[in-house]
Amino acid sequence: MTRRRARATAAAVAAGLLVASCASSSTSNETAATTPPTPAEGLPGFDAEQTLPPNDVSTLRRLYDDALEPFGVRLTRGALIDRTNDQYVPSNTGSHLALYVEPIADYSPEQYVEGFWTISAFITPDVFARWPELESYDICQEPLPAEDDRAEPFPITQINLTREAAAAIDWQDGDLVDLLVASRTNPDVKVVVNRELRESPAYRAADDAARTKATAQTTTTRPGGF
């Protein structure tokens, strides 16, 4: 899937979430506030009665697998997690969603780097719009079973963030650099990248750009900065 299409699909959800700010001056605040968000292309409509994700990987697969196929991945695991009091326990009433995807076929380091952003940009706005009581979530890209066939392999990439942190990222027009900048400047955005991928030219280029951009942002926001 091209980055253009990935941005377009993420934009469908983002447009719904930001409809109030995008409304023309002639649109009343009441109308804008009551316009419901819409799911991204390929995803079913929202269920207003379902405020938290199902704690069932089969249901999550039925929801996301067809839409994820153009990205070259499928959902392998998924669970609703209770993280109160620093625990990490599957729970039907948990407020954290953990998702795991793996490639359908051979997947290059460059594809993992691209998917780090495009898959995140597609899924992140949807989970928070679809389930209003969800407080945080993470999504991991896993290795192919031929490379690591354990039931729970160490991820190639992971993004873990809160609802508030997700709302501050431009999923429509951003890119991996923006995601990495957020991870450097916002403690509620955490990323994990395995050593092999960190050493790939594509990731190193994005990480170097993020380091420069994050440093510039920090400098300009300090008292007395220019």
C-alpha atoms as a PDB file:
ATOM      1  CA  MET A   1       0.000   0.000   0.000  1.00  0.00           C
ATOM      2  CA  THR A   2       1.335   3.467  -0.887  1.00  0.00           C
ATOM      3  CA  ARG A   3       1.847   6.134   1.715  1.00  0.00           C
ATOM      4  CA  ARG A   4      -0.714   8.258  -0.168  1.00  0.00           C
ATOM      5  CA  ARG A   5      -3.410   5.617   0.313  1.00  0.00           C
ATOM      6  CA  ALA A   6      -2.403   5.040   3.927  1.00  0.00           C
ATOM      7  CA  ARG A   7      -2.742   8.742   4.618  1.00  0.00           C
ATOM      8  CA  ALA A   8      -6.101   8.831   2.852  1.00  0.00           C
ATOM      9  CA  THR A   9      -7.518   6.020   4.950  1.00  0.00           C
ATOM     10  CA  ALA A  10      -6.233   7.525   8.180  1.00  0.00           C
ATOM     11  CA  ALA A  11      -7.720  10.845   7.073  1.00  0.00           C
ATOM     12  CA  ALA A  12     -11.215   9.383   7.022  1.00  0.00           C
ATOM     13  CA  VAL A  13     -11.128   8.823  10.766  1.00  0.00           C
ATOM     14  CA  ALA A  14      -9.175  11.979  11.494  1.00  0.00           C
ATOM     15  CA  ALA A  15     -11.708  14.054   9.574  1.00  0.00           C
ATOM     16  CA  GLY A  16     -14.485  12.737  11.749  1.00  0.00           C
ATOM     17  CA  LEU A  17     -12.584  13.381  14.959  1.00  0.00           C
ATOM     18  CA  LEU A  18     -11.674  16.907  13.950  1.00  0.00           C
ATOM     19  CA  VAL A  19     -14.922  17.876  12.274  1.00  0.00           C
ATOM     20  CA  ALA A  20     -15.579  20.743  14.684  1.00  0.00           C
ATOM     21  CA  SER A  21     -12.322  22.490  13.834  1.00  0.00           C
ATOM     22  CA  CYS A  22     -12.764  21.832  10.095  1.00  0.00           C
ATOM     23  CA  ALA A  23     -16.328  23.146   9.957  1.00  0.00           C
ATOM     24  CA  SER A  24     -16.928  26.418   8.143  1.00  0.00           C
ATOM     25  CA  SER A  25     -17.686  29.506  10.120  1.00  0.00           C
ATOM     26  CA  SER A  26     -21.314  29.198   9.109  1.00  0.00           C
ATOM     27  CA  THR A  27     -21.676  25.811  10.795  1.00  0.00           C
ATOM     28  CA  SER A  28     -22.930  25.991  14.344  1.00  0.00           C
ATOM     29  CA  ASN A  29     -20.857  24.504  17.147  1.00  0.00           C
ATOM     30  CA  GLU A  30     -23.806  22.330  18.084  1.00  0.00           C
ATOM     31  CA  THR A  31     -24.032  20.776  14.621  1.00  0.00           C
ATOM     32  CA  ALA A  32     -20.276  20.192  14.461  1.00  0.00           C
ATOM     33  CA  ALA A  33     -20.175  18.670  17.916  1.00  0.00           C
ATOM     34  CA  THR A  34     -22.934  16.170  17.146  1.00  0.00           C
ATOM     35  CA  THR A  35     -21.536  14.997  13.795  1.00  0.00           C
ATOM     36  CA  PRO A  36     -20.332  11.446  14.455  1.00  0.00           C
ATOM     37  CA  PRO A  37     -16.875  10.301  13.367  1.00  0.00           C
ATOM     38  CA  THR A  38     -16.710   7.884  10.474  1.00  0.00           C
ATOM     39  CA  PRO A  39     -14.494   4.783  10.177  1.00  0.00           C
ATOM     40  CA  ALA A  40     -11.630   4.571   7.723  1.00  0.00           C
ATOM     41  CA  GLU A  41     -12.021   2.896   4.356  1.00  0.00           C
ATOM     42  CA  GLY A  42     -12.543  -0.842   4.656  1.00  0.00           C
ATOM     43  CA  LEU A  43     -13.642  -0.795   8.288  1.00  0.00           C
ATOM     44  CA  PRO A  44     -17.193  -1.386   9.574  1.00  0.00           C
ATOM     45  CA  GLY A  45     -19.225   1.331  11.212  1.00  0.00           C
ATOM     46  CA  PHE A  46     -18.942   2.156  14.890  1.00  0.00           C
ATOM     47  CA  ASP A  47     -21.234   0.517  17.438  1.00  0.00           C
ATOM     48  CA  ALA A  48     -22.391   3.223  19.838  1.00  0.00           C
ATOM     49  CA  GLU A  49     -23.120   0.643  22.511  1.00  0.00           C
ATOM     50  CA  GLN A  50     -19.592  -0.782  22.439  1.00  0.00           C
ATOM     51  CA  THR A  51     -17.449   1.606  24.451  1.00  0.00           C
ATOM     52  CA  LEU A  52     -14.508  -0.774  24.938  1.00  0.00           C
ATOM     53  CA  PRO A  53     -12.892  -3.223  22.507  1.00  0.00           C
ATOM     54  CA  PRO A  54     -13.868  -6.889  22.661  1.00  0.00           C
ATOM     55  CA  ASN A  55     -11.403  -8.953  24.657  1.00  0.00           C
ATOM     56  CA  ASP A  56     -11.438 -11.559  21.910  1.00  0.00           C
ATOM     57  CA  VAL A  57      -8.841 -11.928  19.184  1.00  0.00           C
ATOM     58  CA  SER A  58     -11.257 -13.632  16.759  1.00  0.00           C
ATOM     59  CA  THR A  59     -13.596 -10.644  16.884  1.00  0.00           C
ATOM     60  CA  LEU A  60     -10.696  -8.244  16.483  1.00  0.00           C
ATOM     61  CA  ARG A  61      -9.486 -10.220  13.461  1.00  0.00           C
ATOM     62  CA  ARG A  62     -12.902 -10.022  11.838  1.00  0.00           C
ATOM     63  CA  LEU A  63     -12.823  -6.287  12.400  1.00  0.00           C
ATOM     64  CA  TYR A  64      -9.319  -5.504  11.145  1.00  0.00           C
ATOM     65  CA  ASP A  65      -7.827  -8.303   9.028  1.00  0.00           C
ATOM     66  CA  ASP A  66      -9.434  -7.413   5.687  1.00  0.00           C
ATOM     67  CA  ALA A  67      -8.446  -3.779   6.092  1.00  0.00           C
ATOM     68  CA  LEU A  68      -4.897  -4.716   7.119  1.00  0.00           C
ATOM     69  CA  GLU A  69      -4.322  -7.056   4.178  1.00  0.00           C
ATOM     70  CA  PRO A  70      -3.324  -4.233   1.763  1.00  0.00           C
ATOM     71  CA  PHE A  71      -0.585  -3.325   4.236  1.00  0.00           C
ATOM     72  CA  GLY A  72       0.759  -6.862   3.908  1.00  0.00           C
ATOM     73  CA  VAL A  73       0.002  -7.886   7.499  1.00  0.00           C
ATOM     74  CA  ARG A  74      -2.582  -9.725   9.555  1.00  0.00           C
ATOM     75  CA  LEU A  75      -3.616  -9.605  13.183  1.00  0.00           C
ATOM     76  CA  THR A  76      -2.051 -12.408  15.219  1.00  0.00           C
ATOM     77  CA  ARG A  77      -2.935 -11.462  18.779  1.00  0.00           C
ATOM     78  CA  GLY A  78      -5.083  -8.917  20.527  1.00  0.00           C
ATOM     79  CA  ALA A  79      -6.342  -8.401  24.060  1.00  0.00           C
ATOM     80  CA  LEU A  80      -7.941  -5.847  26.331  1.00  0.00           C
ATOM     81  CA  ILE A  81      -5.607  -5.138  29.234  1.00  0.00           C
ATOM     82  CA  ASP A  82      -6.030  -3.798  32.766  1.00  0.00           C
ATOM     83  CA  ARG A  83      -2.979  -1.693  33.603  1.00  0.00           C
ATOM     84  CA  THR A  84      -4.146  -0.174  36.889  1.00  0.00           C
ATOM     85  CA  ASN A  85      -1.664  -0.271  39.765  1.00  0.00           C
ATOM     86  CA  ASP A  86       1.170  -1.076  37.337  1.00  0.00           C
ATOM     87  CA  GLN A  87      -0.269  -4.471  36.457  1.00  0.00           C
ATOM     88  CA  TYR A  88      -0.697  -5.902  32.950  1.00  0.00           C
ATOM     89  CA  VAL A  89      -3.589  -8.364  33.064  1.00  0.00           C
ATOM     90  CA  PRO A  90      -6.075  -9.360  30.328  1.00  0.00           C
ATOM     91  CA  SER A  91      -9.489  -8.116  31.390  1.00  0.00           C
ATOM     92  CA  ASN A  92     -12.882  -7.581  29.783  1.00  0.00           C
ATOM     93  CA  THR A  93     -13.022  -4.212  31.528  1.00  0.00           C
ATOM     94  CA  GLY A  94      -9.453  -3.103  30.881  1.00  0.00           C
ATOM     95  CA  SER A  95      -8.872   0.272  29.252  1.00  0.00           C
ATOM     96  CA  HIS A  96      -5.719  -0.613  27.259  1.00  0.00           C
ATOM     97  CA  LEU A  97      -5.802  -2.473  23.928  1.00  0.00           C
ATOM     98  CA  ALA A  98      -2.790  -4.535  22.804  1.00  0.00           C
ATOM     99  CA  LEU A  99      -2.617  -5.499  19.112  1.00  0.00           C
ATOM    100  CA  TYR A 100      -0.016  -7.557  17.259  1.00  0.00           C
ATOM    101  CA  VAL A 101       0.404  -7.933  13.504  1.00  0.00           C
ATOM    102  CA  GLU A 102       2.756 -10.054  11.426  1.00  0.00           C
ATOM    103  CA  PRO A 103       3.584 -10.017   7.711  1.00  0.00           C
ATOM    104  CA  ILE A 104       1.559 -12.239   5.392  1.00  0.00           C
ATOM    105  CA  ALA A 105       4.626 -12.916   3.219  1.00  0.00           C
ATOM    106  CA  ASP A 106       8.298 -11.938   3.031  1.00  0.00           C
ATOM    107  CA  TYR A 107       8.797  -8.495   4.524  1.00  0.00           C
ATOM    108  CA  SER A 108      11.895  -6.353   4.134  1.00  0.00           C
ATOM    109  CA  PRO A 109      13.383  -3.992   6.728  1.00  0.00           C
ATOM    110  CA  GLU A 110      12.171  -1.109   4.558  1.00  0.00           C
ATOM    111  CA  GLN A 111       8.624  -2.468   4.749  1.00  0.00           C
ATOM    112  CA  TYR A 112       8.832  -2.698   8.525  1.00  0.00           C
ATOM    113  CA  VAL A 113       9.999   0.921   8.640  1.00  0.00           C
ATOM    114  CA  GLU A 114       7.192   2.045   6.333  1.00  0.00           C
ATOM    115  CA  GLY A 115       4.634  -0.037   8.217  1.00  0.00           C
ATOM    116  CA  PHE A 116       5.733   1.465  11.510  1.00  0.00           C
ATOM    117  CA  TRP A 117       4.050   4.674  10.368  1.00  0.00           C
ATOM    118  CA  THR A 118       1.383   3.609   7.849  1.00  0.00           C
ATOM    119  CA  ILE A 119      -0.148   0.869  10.005  1.00  0.00           C
ATOM    120  CA  SER A 120      -0.065   3.103  13.065  1.00  0.00           C
ATOM    121  CA  ALA A 121      -1.639   5.964  11.117  1.00  0.00           C
ATOM    122  CA  PHE A 122      -4.431   3.697   9.943  1.00  0.00           C
ATOM    123  CA  ILE A 123      -5.246   1.928  13.221  1.00  0.00           C
ATOM    124  CA  THR A 124      -4.573   4.566  15.885  1.00  0.00           C
ATOM    125  CA  PRO A 125      -7.301   7.094  15.026  1.00  0.00           C
ATOM    126  CA  ASP A 126      -9.772   4.249  14.599  1.00  0.00           C
ATOM    127  CA  VAL A 127      -9.319   2.544  17.959  1.00  0.00           C
ATOM    128  CA  PHE A 128      -9.799   5.767  19.885  1.00  0.00           C
ATOM    129  CA  ALA A 129     -12.784   6.882  17.795  1.00  0.00           C
ATOM    130  CA  ARG A 130     -14.385   3.435  17.846  1.00  0.00           C
ATOM    131  CA  TRP A 131     -14.093   2.834  21.605  1.00  0.00           C
ATOM    132  CA  PRO A 132     -14.539   6.069  23.602  1.00  0.00           C
ATOM    133  CA  GLU A 133     -13.620   4.494  26.963  1.00  0.00           C
ATOM    134  CA  LEU A 134     -10.278   3.190  25.672  1.00  0.00           C
ATOM    135  CA  GLU A 135      -7.509   5.123  27.432  1.00  0.00           C
ATOM    136  CA  SER A 136      -4.412   3.746  25.710  1.00  0.00           C
ATOM    137  CA  TYR A 137      -3.244   1.143  23.233  1.00  0.00           C
ATOM    138  CA  ASP A 138      -0.193  -0.361  21.628  1.00  0.00           C
ATOM    139  CA  ILE A 139       0.427  -2.107  18.337  1.00  0.00           C
ATOM    140  CA  CYS A 140       3.436  -4.281  17.491  1.00  0.00           C
ATOM    141  CA  GLN A 141       4.856  -5.503  14.207  1.00  0.00           C
ATOM    142  CA  GLU A 142       6.066  -9.046  14.777  1.00  0.00           C
ATOM    143  CA  PRO A 143       8.602 -11.127  12.821  1.00  0.00           C
ATOM    144  CA  LEU A 144       7.601 -13.817  10.373  1.00  0.00           C
ATOM    145  CA  PRO A 145       7.107 -17.237  12.005  1.00  0.00           C
ATOM    146  CA  ALA A 146       9.989 -18.525   9.861  1.00  0.00           C
ATOM    147  CA  GLU A 147      12.255 -16.087  11.703  1.00  0.00           C
ATOM    148  CA  ASP A 148      10.760 -16.478  15.196  1.00  0.00           C
ATOM    149  CA  ASP A 149       8.027 -19.068  15.735  1.00  0.00           C
ATOM    150  CA  ARG A 150       7.485 -18.439  19.451  1.00  0.00           C
ATOM    151  CA  ALA A 151       3.906 -17.750  20.523  1.00  0.00           C
ATOM    152  CA  GLU A 152       4.951 -14.304  21.766  1.00  0.00           C
ATOM    153  CA  PRO A 153       8.053 -13.213  19.841  1.00  0.00           C
ATOM    154  CA  PHE A 154       9.876  -9.989  20.647  1.00  0.00           C
ATOM    155  CA  PRO A 155       8.386  -7.310  18.367  1.00  0.00           C
ATOM    156  CA  ILE A 156      10.226  -5.661  15.515  1.00  0.00           C
ATOM    157  CA  THR A 157       8.450  -2.398  16.302  1.00  0.00           C
ATOM    158  CA  GLN A 158       5.982  -1.185  18.904  1.00  0.00           C
ATOM    159  CA  ILE A 159       4.103   2.053  19.452  1.00  0.00           C
ATOM    160  CA  ASN A 160       2.398   2.559  22.816  1.00  0.00           C
ATOM    161  CA  LEU A 161       0.458   5.740  23.532  1.00  0.00           C
ATOM    162  CA  THR A 162      -2.475   7.318  25.323  1.00  0.00           C
ATOM    163  CA  ARG A 163      -5.617   8.796  23.821  1.00  0.00           C
ATOM    164  CA  GLU A 164      -4.454  12.334  24.590  1.00  0.00           C
ATOM    165  CA  ALA A 165      -1.025  11.739  23.056  1.00  0.00           C
ATOM    166  CA  ALA A 166      -2.586  10.239  19.926  1.00  0.00           C
ATOM    167  CA  ALA A 167      -4.770  13.314  19.468  1.00  0.00           C
ATOM    168  CA  ALA A 168      -1.638  15.491  19.256  1.00  0.00           C
ATOM    169  CA  ILE A 169      -0.167  13.578  16.272  1.00  0.00           C
ATOM    170  CA  ASP A 170      -1.098  14.426  12.674  1.00  0.00           C
ATOM    171  CA  TRP A 171      -2.068  10.977  11.425  1.00  0.00           C
ATOM    172  CA  GLN A 172      -3.306  12.387   8.130  1.00  0.00           C
ATOM    173  CA  ASP A 173      -0.284  14.325   6.917  1.00  0.00           C
ATOM    174  CA  GLY A 174       2.473  13.221   9.270  1.00  0.00           C
ATOM    175  CA  ASP A 175       5.144  10.579   8.836  1.00  0.00           C
ATOM    176  CA  LEU A 176       7.479   8.357  10.825  1.00  0.00           C
ATOM    177  CA  VAL A 177       9.675  11.313  11.706  1.00  0.00           C
ATOM    178  CA  ASP A 178       6.720  12.961  13.450  1.00  0.00           C
ATOM    179  CA  LEU A 179       6.001   9.785  15.377  1.00  0.00           C
ATOM    180  CA  LEU A 180       9.610   9.531  16.508  1.00  0.00           C
ATOM    181  CA  VAL A 181       9.639  13.205  17.469  1.00  0.00           C
ATOM    182  CA  ALA A 182       6.547  12.595  19.612  1.00  0.00           C
ATOM    183  CA  SER A 183       8.301   9.701  21.318  1.00  0.00           C
ATOM    184  CA  ARG A 184      11.208  12.005  22.175  1.00  0.00           C
ATOM    185  CA  THR A 185       9.101  14.915  23.427  1.00  0.00           C
ATOM    186  CA  ASN A 186       6.026  13.271  24.988  1.00  0.00           C
ATOM    187  CA  PRO A 187       6.419  10.662  27.752  1.00  0.00           C
ATOM    188  CA  ASP A 188       3.008   9.233  26.835  1.00  0.00           C
ATOM    189  CA  VAL A 189       4.329   8.128  23.425  1.00  0.00           C
ATOM    190  CA  LYS A 190       6.669   5.155  23.655  1.00  0.00           C
ATOM    191  CA  VAL A 191       8.287   3.320  20.758  1.00  0.00           C
ATOM    192  CA  VAL A 192      10.341   0.131  20.646  1.00  0.00           C
ATOM    193  CA  VAL A 193      12.472  -0.890  17.671  1.00  0.00           C
ATOM    194  CA  ASN A 194      14.639  -3.994  17.642  1.00  0.00           C
ATOM    195  CA  ARG A 195      18.368  -3.666  17.092  1.00  0.00           C
ATOM    196  CA  GLU A 196      18.440  -4.985  13.534  1.00  0.00           C
ATOM    197  CA  LEU A 197      15.823  -2.522  12.320  1.00  0.00           C
ATOM    198  CA  ARG A 198      17.455   0.364  14.198  1.00  0.00           C
ATOM    199  CA  GLU A 199      20.583  -0.286  12.146  1.00  0.00           C
ATOM    200  CA  SER A 200      18.769  -0.237   8.786  1.00  0.00           C
ATOM    201  CA  PRO A 201      19.418   2.824   6.587  1.00  0.00           C
ATOM    202  CA  ALA A 202      15.717   3.661   6.299  1.00  0.00           C
ATOM    203  CA  TYR A 203      15.150   3.741  10.047  1.00  0.00           C
ATOM    204  CA  ARG A 204      18.406   5.515  10.804  1.00  0.00           C
ATOM    205  CA  ALA A 205      17.474   8.283   8.359  1.00  0.00           C
ATOM    206  CA  ALA A 206      14.082   8.777  10.035  1.00  0.00           C
ATOM    207  CA  ASP A 207      15.595   8.642  13.515  1.00  0.00           C
ATOM    208  CA  ASP A 208      18.311  11.166  12.639  1.00  0.00           C
ATOM    209  CA  ALA A 209      15.707  13.533  11.210  1.00  0.00           C
ATOM    210  CA  ALA A 210      13.554  13.096  14.323  1.00  0.00           C
ATOM    211  CA  ARG A 211      16.491  13.825  16.618  1.00  0.00           C
ATOM    212  CA  THR A 212      17.215  17.055  14.769  1.00  0.00           C
ATOM    213  CA  LYS A 213      13.560  18.105  14.719  1.00  0.00           C
ATOM    214  CA  ALA A 214      12.986  17.264  18.379  1.00  0.00           C
ATOM    215  CA  THR A 215      16.090  19.228  19.392  1.00  0.00           C
ATOM    216  CA  ALA A 216      14.877  22.235  17.419  1.00  0.00           C
ATOM    217  CA  GLN A 217      11.446  22.057  19.030  1.00  0.00           C
ATOM    218  CA  THR A 218      12.924  21.789  22.514  1.00  0.00           C
ATOM    219  CA  THR A 219      15.194  24.757  21.883  1.00  0.00           C
ATOM    220  CA  THR A 220      12.402  26.989  20.627  1.00  0.00           C
ATOM    221  CA  THR A 221      10.100  26.165  23.542  1.00  0.00           C
ATOM    222  CA  ARG A 222      12.665  26.902  26.286  1.00  0.00           C
ATOM    223  CA  PRO A 223      12.343  30.242  28.061  1.00  0.00           C
ATOM    224  CA  GLY A 224      14.364  32.735  26.077  1.00  0.00           C
ATOM    225  CA  GLY A 225      14.528  30.415  23.049  1.00  0.00           C
ATOM    226  CA  PHE A 226      14.390  31.844  19.549  1.00  0.00           C
END
